Structures are given as C-alpha cells and as structure tokens.
C-alpha atoms as a PDB file:
ATOM      1  CA  MET A   1     -21.317 -11.278  -3.959  1.00  0.00           C
ATOM      2  CA  GLU A   2     -18.384  -9.281  -2.715  1.00  0.00           C
ATOM      3  CA  GLN A   3     -20.389  -8.058   0.270  1.00  0.00           C
ATOM      4  CA  ASN A   4     -21.521 -11.601   1.133  1.00  0.00           C
ATOM      5  CA  SER A   5     -17.944 -12.844   0.848  1.00  0.00           C
ATOM      6  CA  THR A   6     -16.847 -10.177   3.335  1.00  0.00           C
ATOM      7  CA  ALA A   7     -19.597 -11.183   5.758  1.00  0.00           C
ATOM      8  CA  GLU A   8     -18.543 -14.817   5.496  1.00  0.00           C
ATOM      9  CA  GLN A   9     -14.994 -13.923   6.538  1.00  0.00           C
ATOM     10  CA  THR A  10     -15.917 -11.605   9.427  1.00  0.00           C
ATOM     11  CA  PRO A  11     -14.664 -13.075  12.724  1.00  0.00           C
ATOM     12  CA  VAL A  12     -17.296 -14.061  15.282  1.00  0.00           C
ATOM     13  CA  VAL A  13     -16.264 -13.721  18.935  1.00  0.00           C
ATOM     14  CA  VAL A  14     -17.843 -16.334  21.184  1.00  0.00           C
ATOM     15  CA  GLU A  15     -17.619 -15.175  24.804  1.00  0.00           C
ATOM     16  CA  VAL A  16     -18.015 -17.653  27.636  1.00  0.00           C
ATOM     17  CA  TRP A  17     -18.566 -16.390  31.162  1.00  0.00           C
ATOM     18  CA  ALA A  18     -17.184 -19.198  33.334  1.00  0.00           C
ATOM     19  CA  ASP A  19     -15.509 -20.099  36.597  1.00  0.00           C
ATOM     20  CA  LEU A  20     -12.761 -22.617  37.264  1.00  0.00           C
ATOM     21  CA  GLY A  21     -14.564 -25.001  39.599  1.00  0.00           C
ATOM     22  CA  CYS A  22     -17.925 -24.991  37.814  1.00  0.00           C
ATOM     23  CA  PRO A  23     -18.440 -28.544  36.461  1.00  0.00           C
ATOM     24  CA  TRP A  24     -21.036 -27.439  33.922  1.00  0.00           C
ATOM     25  CA  CYS A  25     -18.602 -24.787  32.665  1.00  0.00           C
ATOM     26  CA  TYR A  26     -16.073 -27.569  32.124  1.00  0.00           C
ATOM     27  CA  VAL A  27     -18.519 -29.777  30.228  1.00  0.00           C
ATOM     28  CA  GLY A  28     -20.073 -26.863  28.334  1.00  0.00           C
ATOM     29  CA  LYS A  29     -16.698 -25.521  27.232  1.00  0.00           C
ATOM     30  CA  HIS A  30     -15.792 -28.826  25.607  1.00  0.00           C
ATOM     31  CA  ARG A  31     -19.180 -29.159  23.942  1.00  0.00           C
ATOM     32  CA  LEU A  32     -18.857 -25.645  22.534  1.00  0.00           C
ATOM     33  CA  GLN A  33     -15.359 -26.369  21.255  1.00  0.00           C
ATOM     34  CA  ARG A  34     -16.647 -29.527  19.543  1.00  0.00           C
ATOM     35  CA  ALA A  35     -19.460 -27.525  17.938  1.00  0.00           C
ATOM     36  CA  ILE A  36     -16.970 -24.989  16.591  1.00  0.00           C
ATOM     37  CA  GLU A  37     -14.383 -27.544  15.463  1.00  0.00           C
ATOM     38  CA  GLY A  38     -17.024 -29.491  13.544  1.00  0.00           C
ATOM     39  CA  ARG A  39     -17.815 -26.551  11.281  1.00  0.00           C
ATOM     40  CA  PRO A  40     -16.209 -25.920   7.879  1.00  0.00           C
ATOM     41  CA  ASP A  41     -15.851 -22.266   8.911  1.00  0.00           C
ATOM     42  CA  ALA A  42     -14.374 -23.074  12.334  1.00  0.00           C
ATOM     43  CA  GLY A  43     -11.481 -20.667  11.829  1.00  0.00           C
ATOM     44  CA  ARG A  44     -13.676 -17.590  11.929  1.00  0.00           C
ATOM     45  CA  PHE A  45     -14.820 -18.206  15.522  1.00  0.00           C
ATOM     46  CA  GLN A  46     -12.753 -16.734  18.352  1.00  0.00           C
ATOM     47  CA  MET A  47     -13.632 -18.208  21.746  1.00  0.00           C
ATOM     48  CA  LYS A  48     -12.923 -15.979  24.743  1.00  0.00           C
ATOM     49  CA  ILE A  49     -13.213 -16.670  28.471  1.00  0.00           C
ATOM     50  CA  ARG A  50     -14.890 -13.976  30.562  1.00  0.00           C
ATOM     51  CA  SER A  51     -14.632 -13.863  34.350  1.00  0.00           C
ATOM     52  CA  PHE A  52     -17.525 -14.787  36.613  1.00  0.00           C
ATOM     53  CA  GLU A  53     -17.109 -15.905  40.233  1.00  0.00           C
ATOM     54  CA  LEU A  54     -19.598 -18.629  41.045  1.00  0.00           C
ATOM     55  CA  ASN A  55     -18.756 -18.530  44.765  1.00  0.00           C
ATOM     56  CA  PRO A  56     -17.129 -15.158  45.479  1.00  0.00           C
ATOM     57  CA  GLU A  57     -17.503 -15.711  49.226  1.00  0.00           C
ATOM     58  CA  SER A  58     -15.234 -18.774  49.129  1.00  0.00           C
ATOM     59  CA  PRO A  59     -12.118 -18.549  51.328  1.00  0.00           C
ATOM     60  CA  LYS A  60      -8.630 -18.490  49.857  1.00  0.00           C
ATOM     61  CA  GLU A  61      -7.745 -21.725  51.637  1.00  0.00           C
ATOM     62  CA  PRO A  62      -8.987 -24.777  49.697  1.00  0.00           C
ATOM     63  CA  GLU A  63     -11.859 -26.711  51.251  1.00  0.00           C
ATOM     64  CA  PRO A  64     -14.023 -29.706  50.247  1.00  0.00           C
ATOM     65  CA  ILE A  65     -16.781 -28.821  47.798  1.00  0.00           C
ATOM     66  CA  GLU A  66     -19.310 -30.102  50.348  1.00  0.00           C
ATOM     67  CA  ALA A  67     -18.316 -27.174  52.583  1.00  0.00           C
ATOM     68  CA  VAL A  68     -19.438 -24.713  49.901  1.00  0.00           C
ATOM     69  CA  PHE A  69     -22.819 -26.413  49.665  1.00  0.00           C
ATOM     70  CA  MET A  70     -23.293 -26.414  53.436  1.00  0.00           C
ATOM     71  CA  ARG A  71     -22.366 -22.739  53.711  1.00  0.00           C
ATOM     72  CA  LYS A  72     -24.820 -21.743  50.977  1.00  0.00           C
ATOM     73  CA  HIS A  73     -27.663 -24.189  51.509  1.00  0.00           C
ATOM     74  CA  GLY A  74     -27.209 -26.269  54.658  1.00  0.00           C
ATOM     75  CA  GLY A  75     -28.857 -29.687  54.710  1.00  0.00           C
ATOM     76  CA  ASP A  76     -27.316 -33.000  53.750  1.00  0.00           C
ATOM     77  CA  PRO A  77     -23.870 -32.697  52.082  1.00  0.00           C
ATOM     78  CA  SER A  78     -24.369 -36.107  50.446  1.00  0.00           C
ATOM     79  CA  VAL A  79     -26.620 -34.289  47.975  1.00  0.00           C
ATOM     80  CA  VAL A  80     -23.483 -32.689  46.530  1.00  0.00           C
ATOM     81  CA  LEU A  81     -21.762 -36.043  45.987  1.00  0.00           C
ATOM     82  CA  GLN A  82     -24.849 -37.437  44.260  1.00  0.00           C
ATOM     83  CA  ALA A  83     -24.982 -34.417  41.939  1.00  0.00           C
ATOM     84  CA  GLU A  84     -21.255 -34.681  41.274  1.00  0.00           C
ATOM     85  CA  LYS A  85     -21.576 -38.350  40.350  1.00  0.00           C
ATOM     86  CA  ARG A  86     -24.345 -37.519  37.887  1.00  0.00           C
ATOM     87  CA  ILE A  87     -22.179 -34.883  36.204  1.00  0.00           C
ATOM     88  CA  GLN A  88     -19.188 -37.241  36.308  1.00  0.00           C
ATOM     89  CA  ALA A  89     -21.195 -39.826  34.348  1.00  0.00           C
ATOM     90  CA  ILE A  90     -22.096 -37.190  31.764  1.00  0.00           C
ATOM     91  CA  ALA A  91     -18.468 -36.076  31.505  1.00  0.00           C
ATOM     92  CA  HIS A  92     -17.241 -39.648  31.102  1.00  0.00           C
ATOM     93  CA  ARG A  93     -19.728 -40.283  28.292  1.00  0.00           C
ATOM     94  CA  GLU A  94     -18.140 -37.353  26.490  1.00  0.00           C
ATOM     95  CA  GLY A  95     -14.621 -38.607  27.042  1.00  0.00           C
ATOM     96  CA  LEU A  96     -13.769 -36.145  29.804  1.00  0.00           C
ATOM     97  CA  GLU A  97     -12.009 -36.939  33.056  1.00  0.00           C
ATOM     98  CA  PHE A  98     -13.826 -35.879  36.225  1.00  0.00           C
ATOM     99  CA  ASP A  99     -12.245 -36.108  39.681  1.00  0.00           C
ATOM    100  CA  LEU A 100     -14.718 -36.219  42.575  1.00  0.00           C
ATOM    101  CA  ASP A 101     -12.087 -35.242  45.149  1.00  0.00           C
ATOM    102  CA  ARG A 102     -11.597 -31.683  43.924  1.00  0.00           C
ATOM    103  CA  LEU A 103     -11.245 -28.857  46.409  1.00  0.00           C
ATOM    104  CA  ASN A 104     -12.810 -25.415  46.239  1.00  0.00           C
ATOM    105  CA  ALA A 105     -11.303 -22.016  46.990  1.00  0.00           C
ATOM    106  CA  ASN A 106     -11.679 -18.403  45.957  1.00  0.00           C
ATOM    107  CA  THR A 107     -10.940 -17.994  42.232  1.00  0.00           C
ATOM    108  CA  PHE A 108     -10.610 -14.216  42.012  1.00  0.00           C
ATOM    109  CA  ASP A 109      -6.800 -14.288  41.758  1.00  0.00           C
ATOM    110  CA  LEU A 110      -6.901 -16.969  39.072  1.00  0.00           C
ATOM    111  CA  HIS A 111      -9.303 -14.834  37.044  1.00  0.00           C
ATOM    112  CA  ARG A 112      -6.787 -11.991  37.302  1.00  0.00           C
ATOM    113  CA  VAL A 113      -4.119 -14.239  35.781  1.00  0.00           C
ATOM    114  CA  VAL A 114      -6.520 -15.182  32.967  1.00  0.00           C
ATOM    115  CA  HIS A 115      -6.742 -11.475  32.119  1.00  0.00           C
ATOM    116  CA  PHE A 116      -2.955 -11.238  32.161  1.00  0.00           C
ATOM    117  CA  ALA A 117      -2.743 -14.237  29.812  1.00  0.00           C
ATOM    118  CA  GLU A 118      -5.323 -12.663  27.511  1.00  0.00           C
ATOM    119  CA  GLN A 119      -2.932  -9.764  26.906  1.00  0.00           C
ATOM    120  CA  SER A 120      -0.925 -12.281  24.892  1.00  0.00           C
ATOM    121  CA  GLY A 121      -4.043 -13.838  23.374  1.00  0.00           C
ATOM    122  CA  MET A 122      -3.681 -16.856  25.665  1.00  0.00           C
ATOM    123  CA  GLY A 123      -6.600 -16.378  28.047  1.00  0.00           C
ATOM    124  CA  LEU A 124      -8.613 -19.340  26.767  1.00  0.00           C
ATOM    125  CA  GLU A 125      -5.584 -21.615  26.550  1.00  0.00           C
ATOM    126  CA  PHE A 126      -4.463 -20.773  30.081  1.00  0.00           C
ATOM    127  CA  PHE A 127      -7.951 -21.167  31.565  1.00  0.00           C
ATOM    128  CA  SER A 128      -8.487 -24.453  29.717  1.00  0.00           C
ATOM    129  CA  GLN A 129      -5.160 -25.925  30.813  1.00  0.00           C
ATOM    130  CA  ILE A 130      -5.873 -25.051  34.438  1.00  0.00           C
ATOM    131  CA  GLN A 131      -9.485 -26.226  34.379  1.00  0.00           C
ATOM    132  CA  ASP A 132      -8.935 -29.430  32.403  1.00  0.00           C
ATOM    133  CA  ARG A 133      -6.055 -30.569  34.580  1.00  0.00           C
ATOM    134  CA  PHE A 134      -7.973 -29.577  37.723  1.00  0.00           C
ATOM    135  CA  PHE A 135     -10.973 -31.714  36.787  1.00  0.00           C
ATOM    136  CA  ALA A 136      -8.627 -34.540  35.832  1.00  0.00           C
ATOM    137  CA  GLY A 137      -7.258 -34.456  39.385  1.00  0.00           C
ATOM    138  CA  GLU A 138      -3.744 -33.605  38.179  1.00  0.00           C
ATOM    139  CA  ILE A 139      -3.119 -30.206  39.769  1.00  0.00           C
ATOM    140  CA  ASP A 140      -3.962 -27.888  42.640  1.00  0.00           C
ATOM    141  CA  PRO A 141      -4.907 -24.648  40.832  1.00  0.00           C
ATOM    142  CA  TYR A 142      -4.833 -22.737  44.118  1.00  0.00           C
ATOM    143  CA  ASP A 143      -1.067 -23.270  44.418  1.00  0.00           C
ATOM    144  CA  ALA A 144       0.873 -20.323  42.970  1.00  0.00           C
ATOM    145  CA  ASP A 145       3.741 -22.572  41.846  1.00  0.00           C
ATOM    146  CA  VAL A 146       1.294 -24.701  39.849  1.00  0.00           C
ATOM    147  CA  VAL A 147      -0.255 -21.645  38.209  1.00  0.00           C
ATOM    148  CA  VAL A 148       3.202 -20.421  37.234  1.00  0.00           C
ATOM    149  CA  GLU A 149       4.113 -23.864  35.876  1.00  0.00           C
ATOM    150  CA  VAL A 150       1.036 -23.916  33.624  1.00  0.00           C
ATOM    151  CA  ALA A 151       1.742 -20.357  32.470  1.00  0.00           C
ATOM    152  CA  LEU A 152       5.327 -21.265  31.596  1.00  0.00           C
ATOM    153  CA  SER A 153       4.148 -24.300  29.616  1.00  0.00           C
ATOM    154  CA  LEU A 154       2.200 -21.882  27.408  1.00  0.00           C
ATOM    155  CA  GLY A 155       5.145 -19.548  26.933  1.00  0.00           C
ATOM    156  CA  LEU A 156       3.937 -16.899  29.375  1.00  0.00           C
ATOM    157  CA  ASP A 157       6.247 -14.973  31.686  1.00  0.00           C
ATOM    158  CA  GLY A 158       6.334 -16.882  34.967  1.00  0.00           C
ATOM    159  CA  GLU A 159       7.736 -14.001  36.992  1.00  0.00           C
ATOM    160  CA  ARG A 160       4.984 -11.703  35.765  1.00  0.00           C
ATOM    161  CA  VAL A 161       2.423 -14.310  36.788  1.00  0.00           C
ATOM    162  CA  ARG A 162       3.911 -14.343  40.282  1.00  0.00           C
ATOM    163  CA  GLU A 163       3.712 -10.546  40.372  1.00  0.00           C
ATOM    164  CA  VAL A 164       0.062 -10.641  39.325  1.00  0.00           C
ATOM    165  CA  LEU A 165      -0.790 -13.246  41.960  1.00  0.00           C
ATOM    166  CA  ALA A 166       1.014 -11.264  44.662  1.00  0.00           C
ATOM    167  CA  GLY A 167      -0.659  -7.953  43.781  1.00  0.00           C
ATOM    168  CA  LYS A 168      -4.006  -6.607  42.634  1.00  0.00           C
ATOM    169  CA  GLU A 169      -3.502  -6.182  38.898  1.00  0.00           C
ATOM    170  CA  PHE A 170      -6.530  -6.861  36.676  1.00  0.00           C
ATOM    171  CA  ALA A 171      -8.940  -6.816  39.631  1.00  0.00           C
ATOM    172  CA  ASP A 172     -11.015  -4.140  37.918  1.00  0.00           C
ATOM    173  CA  ASP A 173     -11.089  -6.242  34.736  1.00  0.00           C
ATOM    174  CA  VAL A 174     -12.480  -9.232  36.606  1.00  0.00           C
ATOM    175  CA  ARG A 175     -15.202  -7.130  38.199  1.00  0.00           C
ATOM    176  CA  ALA A 176     -15.981  -5.443  34.882  1.00  0.00           C
ATOM    177  CA  ASN A 177     -16.412  -8.844  33.218  1.00  0.00           C
ATOM    178  CA  ALA A 178     -18.847  -9.937  35.915  1.00  0.00           C
ATOM    179  CA  SER A 179     -20.838  -6.697  35.646  1.00  0.00           C
ATOM    180  CA  GLU A 180     -20.948  -6.930  31.863  1.00  0.00           C
ATOM    181  CA  GLY A 181     -22.123 -10.525  31.997  1.00  0.00           C
ATOM    182  CA  ALA A 182     -24.899  -9.607  34.411  1.00  0.00           C
ATOM    183  CA  ALA A 183     -25.952  -6.745  32.134  1.00  0.00           C
ATOM    184  CA  LEU A 184     -26.185  -9.209  29.233  1.00  0.00           C
ATOM    185  CA  GLY A 185     -28.359 -11.559  31.268  1.00  0.00           C
ATOM    186  CA  ALA A 186     -25.953 -13.886  33.081  1.00  0.00           C
ATOM    187  CA  GLN A 187     -27.371 -15.158  36.360  1.00  0.00           C
ATOM    188  CA  GLY A 188     -24.974 -18.071  36.596  1.00  0.00           C
ATOM    189  CA  VAL A 189     -22.387 -19.880  34.520  1.00  0.00           C
ATOM    190  CA  PRO A 190     -21.689 -21.010  31.918  1.00  0.00           C
ATOM    191  CA  PHE A 191     -23.208 -18.112  29.998  1.00  0.00           C
ATOM    192  CA  THR A 192     -22.283 -17.847  26.339  1.00  0.00           C
ATOM    193  CA  VAL A 193     -22.703 -14.907  23.977  1.00  0.00           C
ATOM    194  CA  PHE A 194     -22.243 -15.410  20.238  1.00  0.00           C
ATOM    195  CA  GLY A 195     -21.059 -12.318  18.384  1.00  0.00           C
ATOM    196  CA  ARG A 196     -23.034 -10.125  20.803  1.00  0.00           C
ATOM    197  CA  ARG A 197     -26.171 -11.294  18.958  1.00  0.00           C
ATOM    198  CA  ILE A 198     -27.242 -14.592  20.552  1.00  0.00           C
ATOM    199  CA  ALA A 199     -26.980 -15.708  24.192  1.00  0.00           C
ATOM    200  CA  ALA A 200     -27.260 -19.141  25.806  1.00  0.00           C
ATOM    201  CA  SER A 201     -27.438 -19.959  29.522  1.00  0.00           C
ATOM    202  CA  GLY A 202     -26.122 -23.209  30.933  1.00  0.00           C
ATOM    203  CA  ALA A 203     -24.180 -26.055  29.344  1.00  0.00           C
ATOM    204  CA  GLN A 204     -25.951 -26.670  26.044  1.00  0.00           C
ATOM    205  CA  SER A 205     -25.680 -29.763  23.881  1.00  0.00           C
ATOM    206  CA  VAL A 206     -23.232 -29.757  20.964  1.00  0.00           C
ATOM    207  CA  SER A 207     -26.134 -29.441  18.541  1.00  0.00           C
ATOM    208  CA  ALA A 208     -27.669 -26.540  20.487  1.00  0.00           C
ATOM    209  CA  TYR A 209     -24.346 -24.721  20.456  1.00  0.00           C
ATOM    210  CA  GLY A 210     -24.137 -25.428  16.729  1.00  0.00           C
ATOM    211  CA  HIS A 211     -27.569 -23.883  16.236  1.00  0.00           C
ATOM    212  CA  ALA A 212     -26.524 -20.779  18.167  1.00  0.00           C
ATOM    213  CA  LEU A 213     -23.403 -20.494  16.000  1.00  0.00           C
ATOM    214  CA  ASP A 214     -25.616 -20.713  12.904  1.00  0.00           C
ATOM    215  CA  GLN A 215     -27.897 -17.998  14.273  1.00  0.00           C
ATOM    216  CA  ALA A 216     -24.966 -15.686  14.971  1.00  0.00           C
ATOM    217  CA  VAL A 217     -23.616 -16.188  11.448  1.00  0.00           C
ATOM    218  CA  GLU A 218     -27.051 -15.597   9.928  1.00  0.00           C
ATOM    219  CA  ALA A 219     -27.545 -12.429  11.988  1.00  0.00           C
ATOM    220  CA  LEU A 220     -24.155 -11.124  10.886  1.00  0.00           C
ATOM    221  CA  ALA A 221     -24.941 -11.826   7.241  1.00  0.00           C
ATOM    222  CA  ALA A 222     -28.341 -10.131   7.507  1.00  0.00           C
ATOM    223  CA  GLU A 223     -26.795  -7.041   9.081  1.00  0.00           C
ATOM    224  CA  SER A 224     -24.139  -6.934   6.371  1.00  0.00           C
ATOM    225  CA  TYR A 225     -26.840  -7.117   3.664  1.00  0.00           C
ATOM    226  CA  LYS A 226     -28.825  -4.272   5.249  1.00  0.00           C
ATOM    227  CA  THR A 227     -25.687  -2.135   5.344  1.00  0.00           C
ATOM    228  CA  ASP A 228     -25.028  -2.665   1.653  1.00  0.00           C
ATOM    229  CA  PRO A 229     -27.702  -4.718  -0.209  1.00  0.00           C
ATOM    230  CA  GLN A 230     -25.569  -4.654  -3.341  1.00  0.00           C
END
C-alpha cells in the first residue's frame, strides 16, 4: 500500500510542443487544461510548453496569415479564410475567442522568452497569456513592448525580457526542444507527451486527453509495482 501511495503522488509532466500562431495548439491547450482540471488528482500534473516553430521561414515583420499559405502552398488564399472560420466555430463552441484578423511573423524570439520565463516556472503562464490574448485580438505579440508588458503582469523582470529579445539567449534551448520533439515523433503541432510514456498528435478531444492522462497514470503505477511489488 505504501508503494502504491507513493506512485499516486508522483508528479506527471505533460509536455506540449506548440507554437504561438497555431490555432489547433490554442484549442488543444484549452482542451488539455480542461481534461486535467476535471480530475480529482489534477494537482499531480505539471503542464509544460515545449518550443516548435510551425513556420520557421516566416519573416520577422508581421504579415497576413494568407501570405504564409501562399508562400508554402500557392493557390487560392480564400482556402485559408474558410479553414480559419471552421476553427473559429469550433473555438466559439468551447467558449474561446478567435480573431480572424491575426497576423503572422517569426516566433523564434518569443520561444526564447518562453524559455526565460520557464526559469521562474512561468513558461506555461507566459505562453498562455500571449497566445490567449493574441487569439482574442487584444495584442500584437510581435511587439517587444507588448511582450514585456505581459511578462511584467506575471511578475517577470521586464528589463531581462528586453535583453533576451535583443540578444540570442536561449536559442539553443529552442532548437533543442524542436529536435527532441522530432525524436519523440512530432511532425507538427500540437504534440503532447504524457510522462514520457504516452504521446498524442494534434488537438485531441477533452475525453481523449483524459484517456491519455489515465494511461500515463496507469503506466506509472505499473512501473512502480514492478520496481517493488511489495
């Protein structure tokens, strides 16, 4: 019983490879959070954001999201708006705001700030504040002053954030995250790994995320039993 009790208290890290402007990352993140929050053992799960650039070739200057589609695929840019409206309807059904007039730009520097925030255990909170307000149409996340403002609202050092944005700190961490995700099977985002035991690609339903959480807990308990069956 003592061994089982220990297994039940062992923290489970839930890692989410995601990018700022990815609409399915936005929806999936909220579904995952709902799945965790609905559990009686919610406190044992530690959600972490891992860096993955969906469009690493994007320029630093913000551009319409249609421009990204045209650069990658060509064809009719109205296809993008139709897809966005479909995701917007899904987001609205789940109580999430979804601005269709978002811009796109390179997110590498923002990922570097997420790694800085994670030094204080605030990586998820910082990423979520930026992403949620971006999709709500409230902020321009490609504006350094806005990034600093969000960081300050979370109690982070604004001057250090400016230093990070102006330099190259945490660049290796961003690249390492992307490489690690690829090694684990990520071919796109969102990509979620539960306790390094279960992986899920794409934005799953709340129930599917709940099932994955159950599987991770069960795997942890089984491993604990094998280590010490008494």
